[in-house]
N, C-alpha and C. Protein backbone atom coordinates (compact mmCIF):
# COMPACT_ATOMS: atom_id res chain seq x y z
N UNK A 1 -4.08 -11.88 -20.03
CA UNK A 1 -3.14 -11.01 -19.19
C UNK A 1 -2.85 -9.87 -19.49
N UNK A 2 -2.74 -8.71 -19.10
CA UNK A 2 -1.90 -7.64 -19.62
C UNK A 2 -0.97 -7.12 -18.27
N UNK A 3 0.15 -6.22 -18.49
CA UNK A 3 0.60 -5.43 -17.10
C UNK A 3 1.15 -4.43 -17.85
N UNK A 4 0.99 -3.40 -16.64
CA UNK A 4 0.77 -1.74 -16.96
C UNK A 4 1.98 -1.13 -16.22
N UNK A 5 3.15 -0.49 -16.77
CA UNK A 5 4.39 0.30 -16.40
C UNK A 5 3.64 1.56 -16.44
N UNK A 6 4.01 2.32 -15.14
CA UNK A 6 3.62 3.70 -15.13
C UNK A 6 4.73 4.88 -14.44
N UNK A 7 4.87 5.83 -15.16
CA UNK A 7 5.78 6.73 -14.38
C UNK A 7 5.87 8.27 -14.86
N UNK A 8 6.59 9.25 -14.59
CA UNK A 8 7.12 10.46 -14.99
C UNK A 8 8.49 10.43 -15.86
N UNK A 9 8.35 11.24 -16.59
CA UNK A 9 9.94 11.40 -17.38
C UNK A 9 11.11 12.62 -16.38
N UNK A 10 10.18 13.25 -15.73
CA UNK A 10 10.92 14.46 -15.03
C UNK A 10 10.54 15.01 -13.94
N UNK A 11 10.44 14.50 -13.07
CA UNK A 11 9.67 14.75 -11.72
C UNK A 11 10.26 15.44 -10.23
N UNK A 12 10.13 16.47 -9.96
CA UNK A 12 10.25 17.14 -8.73
C UNK A 12 9.69 16.89 -7.80
N UNK A 13 10.00 16.03 -6.48
CA UNK A 13 9.08 15.95 -5.80
C UNK A 13 9.54 16.50 -4.39
N UNK A 14 9.09 17.49 -3.84
CA UNK A 14 7.48 17.94 -3.97
C UNK A 14 7.86 19.22 -5.62
N UNK A 15 6.67 19.43 -5.95
CA UNK A 15 7.47 19.90 -7.43
C UNK A 15 8.04 21.18 -7.69
N UNK A 16 8.27 21.81 -6.40
CA UNK A 16 8.76 23.33 -6.52
C UNK A 16 10.83 22.86 -5.95
N UNK A 17 10.98 21.50 -5.97
CA UNK A 17 12.26 21.47 -5.25
C UNK A 17 13.22 20.48 -6.23
N UNK A 18 14.42 20.73 -6.92
CA UNK A 18 15.28 20.32 -8.15
C UNK A 18 15.79 19.27 -6.83
N UNK A 19 16.25 18.09 -7.86
CA UNK A 19 16.79 18.39 -8.83
C UNK A 19 15.64 17.27 -9.67
N UNK A 20 15.46 17.15 -10.68
CA UNK A 20 14.34 16.06 -10.97
C UNK A 20 15.09 14.79 -11.65
N UNK A 21 14.09 14.10 -11.73
CA UNK A 21 14.37 12.39 -11.86
C UNK A 21 13.45 11.99 -12.41
N UNK A 22 13.37 10.91 -13.41
CA UNK A 22 12.07 9.57 -13.81
C UNK A 22 11.90 9.13 -12.60
N UNK A 23 10.43 8.77 -12.21
CA UNK A 23 9.98 7.66 -11.93
C UNK A 23 8.79 6.22 -12.77
N UNK A 24 9.35 5.38 -12.39
CA UNK A 24 8.64 3.91 -13.16
C UNK A 24 8.72 2.92 -12.25
N UNK A 25 7.49 2.55 -12.25
CA UNK A 25 7.10 0.79 -11.39
C UNK A 25 5.93 0.29 -12.28
N UNK A 26 5.93 -1.01 -12.27
CA UNK A 26 4.84 -1.82 -12.88
C UNK A 26 3.71 -1.76 -11.83
N UNK A 27 2.73 -1.52 -12.19
CA UNK A 27 1.21 -1.53 -11.50
C UNK A 27 0.70 -2.80 -11.17
N UNK A 28 0.98 -3.12 -9.92
CA UNK A 28 0.25 -4.78 -9.09
C UNK A 28 -1.12 -4.67 -9.71
N UNK A 29 -2.06 -5.58 -10.13
CA UNK A 29 -3.13 -5.94 -9.97
C UNK A 29 -3.37 -5.82 -8.67
N UNK A 30 -5.12 -5.34 -8.84
CA UNK A 30 -6.12 -4.91 -7.48
C UNK A 30 -5.96 -6.56 -6.48
N UNK A 31 -5.99 -7.66 -6.98
CA UNK A 31 -6.24 -8.26 -6.33
C UNK A 31 -4.85 -8.55 -5.14
N UNK A 32 -3.77 -7.70 -5.74
CA UNK A 32 -2.39 -7.89 -5.15
C UNK A 32 -2.11 -6.88 -4.07
N UNK A 33 -3.09 -6.25 -4.00
CA UNK A 33 -2.85 -5.00 -3.17
C UNK A 33 -3.20 -5.89 -1.69
N UNK A 34 -2.79 -4.89 -0.64
CA UNK A 34 -3.28 -5.85 1.15
C UNK A 34 -3.63 -4.78 1.92
N UNK A 35 -4.00 -5.21 3.21
CA UNK A 35 -4.66 -4.18 4.05
C UNK A 35 -3.73 -3.76 4.76
N UNK A 36 -1.98 -3.95 5.24
CA UNK A 36 -1.10 -3.43 5.74
C UNK A 36 0.02 -3.52 5.42
N UNK A 37 0.43 -2.25 5.30
CA UNK A 37 2.16 -1.92 5.07
C UNK A 37 2.84 -1.73 6.19
N UNK A 38 4.13 -1.76 5.92
CA UNK A 38 5.24 -1.56 7.24
C UNK A 38 6.30 -0.51 5.94
N UNK A 39 6.57 0.42 6.12
CA UNK A 39 7.62 1.31 5.47
C UNK A 39 8.50 2.32 6.63
N UNK A 40 9.25 2.61 6.12
CA UNK A 40 10.41 3.67 7.02
C UNK A 40 11.17 4.20 5.56
N UNK A 41 12.10 5.59 6.25
CA UNK A 41 12.16 6.51 5.10
C UNK A 41 13.49 5.68 4.62
N UNK A 42 14.05 6.59 3.40
CA UNK A 42 15.20 5.98 3.10
C UNK A 42 16.57 6.75 3.52
N UNK A 43 17.29 6.12 3.79
CA UNK A 43 18.48 6.73 4.37
C UNK A 43 19.34 7.99 4.09
N UNK A 44 19.58 8.79 4.84
CA UNK A 44 20.04 10.17 4.47
C UNK A 44 21.12 10.28 5.13
N UNK A 45 22.35 11.20 4.92
CA UNK A 45 23.21 11.64 5.69
C UNK A 45 23.14 12.13 6.77
N UNK A 46 23.94 11.62 8.05
CA UNK A 46 23.93 12.27 9.20
C UNK A 46 23.83 13.89 9.59
N UNK A 47 22.76 14.33 10.36
CA UNK A 47 22.90 15.76 10.40
C UNK A 47 21.68 16.78 9.67
N UNK A 48 21.14 15.66 8.42
CA UNK A 48 20.37 16.00 7.24
C UNK A 48 18.93 16.54 8.11
N UNK A 49 18.86 17.44 8.49
CA UNK A 49 17.34 17.46 9.48
C UNK A 49 16.06 17.57 8.38
N UNK A 50 15.32 16.70 8.77
CA UNK A 50 13.82 17.22 7.86
C UNK A 50 14.60 16.40 6.44
N UNK A 51 15.54 16.25 5.95
CA UNK A 51 15.43 15.18 5.01
C UNK A 51 15.34 13.71 4.98
N UNK A 52 14.58 13.09 6.02
CA UNK A 52 14.37 11.77 6.28
C UNK A 52 12.53 11.67 5.69
N UNK A 53 12.01 12.55 5.13
CA UNK A 53 10.66 12.30 5.25
C UNK A 53 10.58 11.58 3.93
N UNK A 54 9.22 10.47 3.74
CA UNK A 54 9.08 10.04 2.58
C UNK A 54 7.83 10.53 2.14
N UNK A 55 7.05 10.37 1.11
CA UNK A 55 6.15 10.93 0.34
C UNK A 55 5.56 9.59 0.29
N UNK A 56 4.04 9.76 0.38
CA UNK A 56 3.26 8.29 -0.33
C UNK A 56 1.99 8.63 -0.63
N UNK A 57 1.85 7.93 -1.65
CA UNK A 57 0.43 7.99 -2.47
C UNK A 57 -0.32 6.56 -1.79
N UNK A 58 -1.52 6.92 -1.85
CA UNK A 58 -2.39 6.09 -1.21
C UNK A 58 -3.90 6.08 -2.03
N UNK A 59 -3.81 4.48 -2.81
CA UNK A 59 -4.98 4.51 -3.55
C UNK A 59 -6.03 3.53 -2.94
N UNK A 60 -7.38 3.92 -3.36
CA UNK A 60 -8.59 2.83 -2.45
C UNK A 60 -8.71 1.66 -3.14
N UNK A 61 -9.15 1.02 -2.35
CA UNK A 61 -10.22 0.05 -3.54
C UNK A 61 -11.94 0.14 -3.36
N UNK A 62 -12.47 0.73 -2.33
CA UNK A 62 -13.75 0.40 -1.90
C UNK A 62 -13.82 2.31 -1.66
N UNK A 63 -15.19 2.36 -1.95
CA UNK A 63 -15.82 3.88 -2.00
C UNK A 63 -15.64 4.40 -0.36
N UNK A 64 -15.38 5.59 0.21
CA UNK A 64 -15.06 5.93 1.40
C UNK A 64 -14.70 5.32 2.31
N UNK A 65 -13.16 4.60 1.54
CA UNK A 65 -12.41 4.05 2.68
C UNK A 65 -11.44 4.86 3.37
N UNK A 66 -11.19 4.45 4.83
CA UNK A 66 -10.95 5.10 5.85
C UNK A 66 -9.32 4.16 5.89
N UNK A 67 -8.02 4.97 5.74
CA UNK A 67 -6.73 4.02 5.92
C UNK A 67 -6.09 5.15 7.03
N UNK A 68 -5.42 4.39 7.95
CA UNK A 68 -4.91 4.92 9.29
C UNK A 68 -3.15 4.75 9.08
N UNK A 69 -2.76 5.71 9.51
CA UNK A 69 -1.17 5.61 9.74
C UNK A 69 -0.82 5.74 10.48
N UNK A 70 0.21 5.81 11.54
CA UNK A 70 0.79 6.64 12.44
C UNK A 70 0.60 8.00 13.51
N UNK A 71 0.35 8.91 12.42
CA UNK A 71 -0.23 10.01 12.34
C UNK A 71 -1.88 10.38 12.04
N UNK A 72 -2.55 9.39 12.26
CA UNK A 72 -3.84 9.43 12.16
C UNK A 72 -4.37 8.49 11.05
N UNK A 73 -5.34 9.70 10.24
CA UNK A 73 -6.19 8.64 9.10
C UNK A 73 -6.01 9.19 8.07
N UNK A 74 -6.64 9.19 6.99
CA UNK A 74 -7.24 10.18 5.71
C UNK A 74 -8.29 8.92 5.27
N UNK A 75 -9.45 10.15 4.76
CA UNK A 75 -10.69 9.39 4.39
C UNK A 75 -10.72 9.70 2.79
N UNK A 76 -11.08 8.69 1.69
CA UNK A 76 -11.03 8.63 0.35
C UNK A 76 -12.63 8.71 0.01
N UNK A 77 -12.75 8.93 -1.26
CA UNK A 77 -13.80 9.45 -1.51
C UNK A 77 -14.71 8.01 -2.37
N UNK A 78 -14.40 8.06 -4.08
CA UNK A 78 -14.98 7.51 -4.73
C UNK A 78 -14.08 5.92 -4.66
N UNK A 79 -14.18 4.82 -5.11
CA UNK A 79 -13.39 3.60 -5.75
C UNK A 79 -12.01 4.26 -6.38
N UNK A 80 -11.04 3.97 -6.23
CA UNK A 80 -9.90 4.31 -6.68
C UNK A 80 -9.18 6.02 -6.16
N UNK A 81 -9.94 6.51 -5.56
CA UNK A 81 -9.26 8.13 -5.08
C UNK A 81 -7.84 7.59 -4.24
N UNK A 82 -7.55 8.79 -4.34
CA UNK A 82 -6.08 8.48 -4.08
C UNK A 82 -5.70 9.97 -3.16
N UNK A 83 -4.80 9.73 -2.25
CA UNK A 83 -4.28 10.77 -1.59
C UNK A 83 -2.77 10.73 -1.00
N UNK A 84 -2.21 12.02 -0.90
CA UNK A 84 -0.84 11.74 -0.33
C UNK A 84 -0.27 12.34 1.26
N UNK A 85 0.60 11.01 1.41
CA UNK A 85 0.86 11.55 2.82
C UNK A 85 2.19 11.90 2.93
N UNK A 86 2.72 12.69 4.00
CA UNK A 86 4.43 12.94 4.40
C UNK A 86 4.61 12.18 5.23
N UNK A 87 5.45 10.99 5.82
CA UNK A 87 5.78 10.35 7.48
C UNK A 87 7.14 10.52 6.89
N UNK A 88 7.74 10.28 8.46
CA UNK A 88 9.17 10.39 8.59
C UNK A 88 9.38 8.94 9.35
N UNK A 89 10.33 8.12 9.66
CA UNK A 89 10.41 7.05 9.99
C UNK A 89 9.80 5.99 10.12
N UNK A 90 9.57 4.84 10.78
CA UNK A 90 9.22 3.43 10.48
C UNK A 90 7.55 4.27 10.92
N UNK A 91 6.92 3.29 10.31
CA UNK A 91 5.30 3.80 10.11
C UNK A 91 4.54 2.46 9.39
N UNK A 92 3.43 2.36 10.11
CA UNK A 92 2.32 1.59 9.64
C UNK A 92 1.44 1.98 9.19
N UNK A 93 0.92 1.74 7.74
CA UNK A 93 -0.66 2.40 7.26
C UNK A 93 -1.62 0.74 7.01
N UNK A 94 -2.60 0.96 7.50
CA UNK A 94 -3.68 -0.13 7.29
C UNK A 94 -4.83 0.13 7.64
N UNK A 95 -6.07 -0.60 6.81
CA UNK A 95 -7.18 -0.29 6.45
C UNK A 95 -8.11 -1.59 6.85
N UNK A 96 -9.50 -1.58 6.71
CA UNK A 96 -9.97 -2.80 6.81
C UNK A 96 -10.46 -3.48 5.41
N UNK A 97 -9.87 -2.89 4.36
CA UNK A 97 -10.40 -3.18 3.11
C UNK A 97 -8.69 -2.90 2.25
N UNK A 98 -8.14 -3.69 0.92
CA UNK A 98 -7.06 -3.80 0.52
C UNK A 98 -7.32 -2.09 -0.04
N UNK A 99 -5.63 -1.45 -0.09
CA UNK A 99 -5.16 -0.31 -0.64
C UNK A 99 -3.92 -0.50 -1.46
N UNK A 100 -3.60 0.35 -2.43
CA UNK A 100 -1.82 0.54 -2.70
C UNK A 100 -1.34 1.82 -2.10
N UNK A 101 -0.25 1.29 -2.14
CA UNK A 101 0.65 1.91 -1.21
C UNK A 101 2.06 1.93 -2.01
N UNK A 102 2.19 3.35 -2.74
CA UNK A 102 3.49 4.09 -3.36
C UNK A 102 4.12 4.69 -2.44
N UNK A 103 5.75 4.56 -2.37
CA UNK A 103 6.55 5.34 -1.19
C UNK A 103 7.34 6.13 -2.46
N UNK A 104 7.68 7.57 -2.34
CA UNK A 104 8.86 8.15 -3.09
C UNK A 104 9.99 9.07 -2.32
N UNK A 105 11.30 8.80 -3.19
CA UNK A 105 12.04 9.07 -2.41
C UNK A 105 12.08 10.73 -3.07
N UNK A 106 12.20 12.04 -2.40
CA UNK A 106 11.98 13.22 -2.60
C UNK A 106 13.14 13.60 -3.50
N UNK A 107 13.11 14.62 -3.64
CA UNK A 107 14.20 15.88 -4.71
C UNK A 107 15.25 15.87 -3.51
N UNK A 108 16.51 15.95 -3.67
CA UNK A 108 17.68 15.79 -3.03
C UNK A 108 17.70 16.71 -2.08
N UNK A 109 16.98 18.22 -2.69
CA UNK A 109 17.42 19.48 -2.17
C UNK A 109 15.92 19.66 -1.06
N UNK A 110 14.92 19.09 -0.93
CA UNK A 110 13.95 18.96 0.06
C UNK A 110 14.28 18.85 1.58
N UNK A 111 13.85 19.58 2.31
CA UNK A 111 13.10 20.91 2.46
C UNK A 111 13.73 21.95 2.48
N UNK A 112 15.01 22.18 2.35
CA UNK A 112 16.00 23.11 3.37
C UNK A 112 16.80 23.57 1.71
N UNK A 113 16.44 23.05 0.12
CA UNK A 113 17.40 23.74 -0.28
C UNK A 113 19.33 23.15 -0.18
N UNK A 114 19.50 22.42 0.62
CA UNK A 114 20.71 21.63 0.38
C UNK A 114 20.69 20.26 -0.40
N UNK A 115 21.57 20.14 -0.51
CA UNK A 115 21.59 19.11 -1.40
C UNK A 115 21.86 17.57 -0.36
N UNK A 116 21.07 16.70 -0.34
CA UNK A 116 20.95 15.00 0.65
C UNK A 116 21.35 14.09 -0.48
N UNK A 117 20.86 13.11 0.19
CA UNK A 117 21.00 12.19 -0.68
C UNK A 117 19.97 11.90 -1.94
N UNK A 118 20.50 11.54 -3.09
CA UNK A 118 19.39 10.81 -4.09
C UNK A 118 18.49 12.27 -4.36
N UNK A 119 17.98 11.65 -5.71
CA UNK A 119 16.87 12.30 -6.25
C UNK A 119 15.79 11.64 -6.34
N UNK A 120 14.04 11.99 -6.93
CA UNK A 120 12.89 11.32 -6.81
C UNK A 120 13.25 9.67 -7.65
N UNK A 121 12.20 9.18 -6.77
CA UNK A 121 12.33 7.77 -7.46
C UNK A 121 11.33 7.09 -6.75
N UNK A 122 10.43 5.73 -7.19
CA UNK A 122 9.10 5.31 -6.57
C UNK A 122 9.28 3.95 -6.26
N UNK A 123 8.55 3.45 -5.33
CA UNK A 123 8.55 1.93 -5.23
C UNK A 123 7.47 1.83 -4.89
N UNK A 124 6.67 0.71 -5.63
CA UNK A 124 5.43 0.09 -5.01
C UNK A 124 5.55 -0.78 -4.00
N UNK A 125 5.17 -0.17 -2.81
CA UNK A 125 5.43 -1.11 -1.30
C UNK A 125 4.68 -2.38 -1.56
N UNK A 126 5.27 -3.44 -0.70
CA UNK A 126 4.93 -4.97 -0.62
C UNK A 126 4.05 -5.10 0.14
N UNK A 127 3.10 -5.57 0.61
CA UNK A 127 2.15 -5.63 1.72
C UNK A 127 2.21 -6.57 2.43
N UNK A 128 2.03 -6.78 3.85
CA UNK A 128 1.92 -7.52 5.09
C UNK A 128 1.61 -9.15 4.08
N UNK A 129 0.46 -8.54 3.69
CA UNK A 129 -0.14 -10.12 2.77
C UNK A 129 0.56 -10.77 1.71
N UNK A 130 1.23 -10.05 1.20
CA UNK A 130 2.38 -10.82 0.27
C UNK A 130 3.76 -10.99 0.65
N UNK A 131 4.19 -10.95 2.21
CA UNK A 131 5.40 -11.42 2.41
C UNK A 131 5.88 -12.98 1.95
N UNK A 132 7.06 -13.06 1.97
CA UNK A 132 7.43 -14.53 1.30
C UNK A 132 8.49 -15.03 2.66
N UNK A 133 8.59 -16.09 2.66
CA UNK A 133 9.61 -16.89 3.50
C UNK A 133 11.06 -16.27 2.94
N UNK A 134 11.05 -16.71 1.39
CA UNK A 134 12.07 -16.25 0.74
C UNK A 134 12.35 -15.18 -0.41
N UNK A 135 13.29 -14.18 -0.03
CA UNK A 135 12.91 -12.84 -1.01
C UNK A 135 14.24 -13.05 -2.14
N UNK A 136 14.07 -13.39 -3.25
CA UNK A 136 15.79 -12.46 -3.93
C UNK A 136 15.27 -11.74 -4.63
N UNK A 137 16.40 -11.02 -4.54
CA UNK A 137 16.35 -9.22 -5.47
C UNK A 137 17.75 -8.83 -5.72
N UNK A 138 17.61 -8.19 -6.80
CA UNK A 138 18.80 -7.49 -7.32
C UNK A 138 19.24 -5.93 -7.39
N UNK A 139 20.15 -5.88 -6.60
CA UNK A 139 20.60 -4.53 -6.61
C UNK A 139 21.27 -3.61 -7.70
N UNK A 140 21.24 -2.08 -7.69
CA UNK A 140 21.84 -1.96 -9.18
C UNK A 140 22.80 -1.66 -9.26
N UNK A 141 23.55 -1.54 -10.74
CA UNK A 141 25.11 -1.45 -10.70
C UNK A 141 25.49 -0.14 -11.30
N UNK A 142 26.55 0.51 -11.53
CA UNK A 142 26.43 1.63 -11.91
C UNK A 142 26.51 1.65 -13.95
N UNK A 143 26.68 2.92 -14.50
CA UNK A 143 26.72 2.37 -16.05
C UNK A 143 27.93 3.70 -16.56
N UNK A 144 28.88 3.15 -17.24
CA UNK A 144 29.11 3.93 -18.03
C UNK A 144 30.42 4.54 -16.86
N UNK A 145 30.54 6.04 -16.94
CA UNK A 145 31.53 6.72 -16.00
C UNK A 145 30.96 6.93 -14.55
N UNK A 146 29.75 6.55 -14.14
CA UNK A 146 28.97 7.02 -13.04
C UNK A 146 29.69 6.37 -12.21
N UNK A 147 29.98 7.23 -10.85
CA UNK A 147 30.35 6.24 -9.70
C UNK A 147 29.14 5.33 -9.42
N UNK A 148 29.29 4.06 -8.56
CA UNK A 148 28.96 2.87 -8.05
C UNK A 148 27.49 3.21 -7.01
N UNK A 149 26.13 2.69 -7.60
CA UNK A 149 25.54 3.23 -6.42
C UNK A 149 25.52 2.84 -4.88
N UNK A 150 24.76 3.28 -4.17
CA UNK A 150 25.42 2.95 -2.82
C UNK A 150 23.91 2.77 -2.35
N UNK A 151 23.76 1.14 -2.33
CA UNK A 151 22.55 0.36 -2.22
C UNK A 151 22.28 0.07 -0.74
N UNK A 152 20.93 0.37 -0.70
CA UNK A 152 20.17 -0.08 0.79
C UNK A 152 19.14 -1.20 0.44
N UNK A 153 18.41 -1.80 1.50
CA UNK A 153 17.25 -2.63 1.57
C UNK A 153 16.72 -2.42 2.97
N UNK A 154 15.65 -2.09 2.92
CA UNK A 154 14.75 -2.02 4.36
C UNK A 154 13.77 -3.32 4.40
N UNK A 155 14.27 -4.06 5.52
CA UNK A 155 13.66 -5.48 5.64
C UNK A 155 12.51 -5.40 6.60
N UNK A 156 11.31 -6.11 6.31
CA UNK A 156 10.24 -5.76 7.54
C UNK A 156 10.26 -7.52 7.90
N UNK A 157 10.53 -7.69 9.56
CA UNK A 157 10.53 -8.92 10.15
C UNK A 157 9.67 -9.21 10.82
N UNK A 158 9.21 -10.21 10.92
CA UNK A 158 8.30 -10.25 12.32
C UNK A 158 9.20 -10.59 13.75
N UNK A 159 8.82 -9.83 14.72
CA UNK A 159 9.65 -9.73 16.24
C UNK A 159 10.10 -11.02 16.73
N UNK A 160 9.15 -11.96 16.46
CA UNK A 160 8.96 -13.35 17.03
C UNK A 160 9.90 -14.32 16.14
N UNK A 161 10.38 -14.05 14.94
CA UNK A 161 11.21 -14.54 13.96
C UNK A 161 12.33 -14.07 13.65
N UNK A 162 12.88 -12.85 14.21
CA UNK A 162 13.79 -11.85 14.25
C UNK A 162 15.44 -13.02 13.80
N UNK A 163 15.35 -13.85 14.47
CA UNK A 163 16.66 -14.59 14.97
C UNK A 163 16.68 -15.60 14.03
N UNK A 164 16.04 -16.04 13.22
CA UNK A 164 15.71 -17.12 12.00
C UNK A 164 15.73 -16.17 10.55
N UNK A 165 16.05 -14.95 10.51
CA UNK A 165 16.38 -14.16 9.53
C UNK A 165 17.32 -13.81 9.04
N UNK A 166 17.92 -14.19 8.04
CA UNK A 166 19.54 -14.11 7.16
C UNK A 166 19.41 -13.18 6.07
N UNK A 167 20.09 -12.41 5.88
CA UNK A 167 20.31 -11.60 4.65
C UNK A 167 21.62 -11.94 4.06
N UNK A 168 21.54 -12.68 2.97
CA UNK A 168 22.95 -13.33 2.71
C UNK A 168 23.66 -13.84 3.45
N UNK A 169 22.95 -14.97 3.82
CA UNK A 169 23.53 -15.92 5.00
C UNK A 169 23.89 -15.42 6.56
N UNK A 170 23.78 -13.92 6.40
CA UNK A 170 24.04 -13.49 7.70
C UNK A 170 23.08 -13.24 8.48
N UNK A 171 23.27 -13.24 10.00
CA UNK A 171 21.94 -13.00 10.91
C UNK A 171 21.70 -11.45 10.09
N UNK A 172 20.05 -11.05 10.49
CA UNK A 172 19.23 -9.93 10.24
C UNK A 172 19.73 -9.13 11.52
N UNK A 173 19.87 -9.84 12.39
CA UNK A 173 20.34 -8.76 13.68
C UNK A 173 21.15 -8.51 13.85
N UNK A 174 22.03 -8.40 12.68
CA UNK A 174 23.49 -7.60 12.77
C UNK A 174 23.27 -6.21 12.59
N UNK A 175 22.15 -6.16 12.09
CA UNK A 175 22.12 -4.45 11.51
C UNK A 175 20.94 -4.19 12.20
N UNK A 176 21.09 -2.66 12.24
CA UNK A 176 19.72 -1.76 12.56
C UNK A 176 18.82 -1.88 12.72
N UNK A 177 17.58 -2.01 13.70
CA UNK A 177 16.46 -2.11 13.54
C UNK A 177 15.47 -0.75 13.96
N UNK A 178 14.55 -0.93 13.57
CA UNK A 178 12.97 0.37 13.85
C UNK A 178 12.10 -0.71 14.45
N UNK A 179 11.61 -0.36 15.62
CA UNK A 179 10.20 -0.93 15.95
C UNK A 179 9.26 0.11 15.42
N UNK A 180 8.20 -0.78 15.04
CA UNK A 180 6.91 -0.25 14.93
C UNK A 180 5.57 -0.39 15.76
N UNK A 181 5.12 -1.91 15.54
CA UNK A 181 3.82 -1.63 16.53
C UNK A 181 3.59 -2.69 17.16
N UNK A 182 4.93 -3.58 17.72
CA UNK A 182 5.33 -4.55 18.41
C UNK A 182 4.82 -5.84 17.90
N UNK A 183 4.54 -6.21 16.55
CA UNK A 183 4.47 -7.10 16.02
C UNK A 183 5.74 -7.51 14.99
N UNK A 184 5.86 -6.24 14.17
CA UNK A 184 6.93 -6.09 12.97
C UNK A 184 8.08 -4.69 13.63
N UNK A 185 8.83 -5.03 13.08
CA UNK A 185 10.04 -4.22 12.99
C UNK A 185 10.96 -4.39 11.77
N UNK A 186 11.61 -3.08 11.63
CA UNK A 186 12.13 -2.69 9.90
C UNK A 186 13.72 -2.80 10.15
N UNK A 187 14.41 -3.68 9.62
CA UNK A 187 15.92 -3.82 9.47
C UNK A 187 16.44 -2.39 8.66
N UNK A 188 17.53 -2.16 8.37
CA UNK A 188 17.96 -1.45 7.25
C UNK A 188 19.51 -2.04 6.88
N UNK A 189 19.69 -2.43 6.06
CA UNK A 189 20.86 -2.96 5.54
C UNK A 189 21.29 -2.50 4.48
N UNK A 190 22.55 -1.60 5.03
CA UNK A 190 23.65 -0.81 4.48
C UNK A 190 24.52 -1.13 3.28
N UNK A 191 24.81 -0.27 2.21
CA UNK A 191 26.27 -0.19 1.67
C UNK A 191 26.01 -1.74 0.72
N UNK A 192 25.24 -2.04 -0.09
CA UNK A 192 24.94 -3.45 -0.05
C UNK A 192 25.66 -3.61 -1.71
N UNK A 193 26.36 -4.41 -2.04
CA UNK A 193 27.27 -4.82 -3.03
C UNK A 193 26.10 -4.90 -4.57
N UNK A 194 26.72 -4.11 -5.60
CA UNK A 194 25.46 -4.73 -6.85
C UNK A 194 25.51 -5.97 -7.03
N UNK A 195 24.38 -6.56 -7.46
CA UNK A 195 24.19 -7.87 -7.76
C UNK A 195 22.87 -8.86 -6.95
N UNK A 196 22.75 -9.81 -7.29
CA UNK A 196 21.70 -10.79 -6.54
C UNK A 196 21.74 -10.77 -5.00
N UNK A 197 20.40 -10.68 -4.15
CA UNK A 197 20.94 -11.09 -2.74
C UNK A 197 19.56 -11.85 -1.93
N UNK A 198 19.73 -12.32 -0.63
CA UNK A 198 18.45 -13.49 -0.65
C UNK A 198 18.64 -13.07 1.07
N UNK A 199 16.70 -12.87 1.04
CA UNK A 199 16.68 -13.12 2.52
C UNK A 199 16.02 -14.24 2.93
N UNK A 200 16.30 -14.77 3.88
CA UNK A 200 15.61 -16.04 4.05
C UNK A 200 14.51 -15.99 5.69
N UNK A 201 13.23 -16.60 5.91
CA UNK A 201 13.05 -16.30 7.18
C UNK A 201 12.19 -17.40 7.22
N UNK A 202 11.47 -17.58 8.39
CA UNK A 202 10.34 -18.50 8.63
C UNK A 202 9.34 -18.26 8.40
N UNK A 203 8.93 -17.15 8.77
CA UNK A 203 7.45 -16.76 8.82
C UNK A 203 7.22 -15.83 7.50
N UNK A 204 7.80 -15.24 6.92
CA UNK A 204 7.79 -14.24 6.17
C UNK A 204 8.07 -13.37 6.38
N UNK A 205 9.11 -12.31 4.89
CA UNK A 205 9.29 -10.87 5.31
C UNK A 205 9.23 -10.12 4.13
N UNK A 206 9.09 -8.79 4.12
CA UNK A 206 8.83 -7.74 3.53
C UNK A 206 10.04 -6.96 3.22
N UNK A 207 10.54 -7.04 1.63
CA UNK A 207 12.08 -6.46 1.20
C UNK A 207 11.69 -5.05 0.61
N UNK A 208 12.14 -4.20 -0.05
CA UNK A 208 12.32 -3.28 -0.44
C UNK A 208 13.65 -2.32 -0.54
N UNK A 209 14.28 -2.00 -1.74
CA UNK A 209 15.53 -1.78 -2.09
C UNK A 209 15.44 -0.31 -2.64
N UNK A 210 16.76 -0.03 -2.17
CA UNK A 210 17.00 1.54 -3.06
C UNK A 210 18.39 2.18 -3.34
N UNK A 211 18.85 3.06 -3.85
CA UNK A 211 20.26 3.52 -4.21
C UNK A 211 20.44 4.53 -4.61
N UNK A 212 21.57 5.44 -4.13
CA UNK A 212 21.93 6.28 -4.41
C UNK A 212 23.46 6.61 -5.46
N UNK A 213 23.02 7.04 -6.82
CA UNK A 213 24.20 7.54 -7.52
C UNK A 213 24.30 9.00 -7.89
N UNK A 214 25.38 9.38 -8.50
CA UNK A 214 25.47 10.54 -9.15
C UNK A 214 24.43 11.28 -9.57
N UNK A 215 23.85 12.16 -9.22
CA UNK A 215 22.23 12.55 -9.34
C UNK A 215 21.39 11.54 -9.97
N UNK A 216 20.94 10.62 -9.11
CA UNK A 216 20.59 9.69 -9.70
C UNK A 216 20.12 8.67 -8.27
N UNK A 217 18.92 8.27 -8.39
CA UNK A 217 18.29 7.17 -7.40
C UNK A 217 17.21 5.92 -8.34
N UNK A 218 17.23 4.89 -7.07
CA UNK A 218 16.51 4.58 -7.94
C UNK A 218 15.72 3.59 -6.53
N UNK A 219 14.44 2.87 -6.63
CA UNK A 219 13.53 2.07 -5.62
C UNK A 219 12.67 1.03 -6.48
N UNK A 220 12.50 -0.18 -5.41
CA UNK A 220 11.75 -1.03 -6.10
C UNK A 220 11.59 -2.14 -5.20
N UNK A 221 10.43 -2.68 -5.19
CA UNK A 221 10.29 -3.86 -4.32
C UNK A 221 11.18 -4.94 -4.76
N UNK A 222 11.51 -5.63 -3.09
CA UNK A 222 12.72 -6.89 -3.47
C UNK A 222 11.94 -7.97 -3.69
N UNK A 223 10.43 -8.07 -4.05
CA UNK A 223 10.09 -9.41 -4.48
C UNK A 223 8.84 -9.44 -5.39
């Protein structure tokens, strides 16, 4: 067995918008790709119109694969072809065959040249097929003289199970939620202290986390 870690040292997302940052993530094997993904944008300051867009990379597992989202569909060509899509708010990506979905945080100056939250970061999103009843994850700490990270978690929950889901022992329903397709919804947990955290459910949840520091951001899957 092997593991593959991939990334970029100095990325602007999109390329014309500073400030740059590194991207890095472990690539999941193809057998862990799924057919359905639930996502939402990273949190931005109030009044920062347009800054709540996220960039997604889609990679196909079969030739001529069609992948749907809330705003339409994309047709890919040969096996492992890829495409990019920009979306805002809660969304669902799905297909009749597995695919890989990566979510990027944009540069802090996109799209209007005004600094918002964060710098580029990426997370390989966990598909619905890999949701777990218990998810243990770590949020980032600050280093040296940097200010502490402001950490967040996006938690995808089955609508019929929300009353049974807890975040560090507290009901997930204490937090703001975004509806998606009538079957799943995403709760955004803000301002999480650095360290280990646990989400527990009866039917399985998906978690990915991110945080903002001084000229720095991070994002990773929570399971």
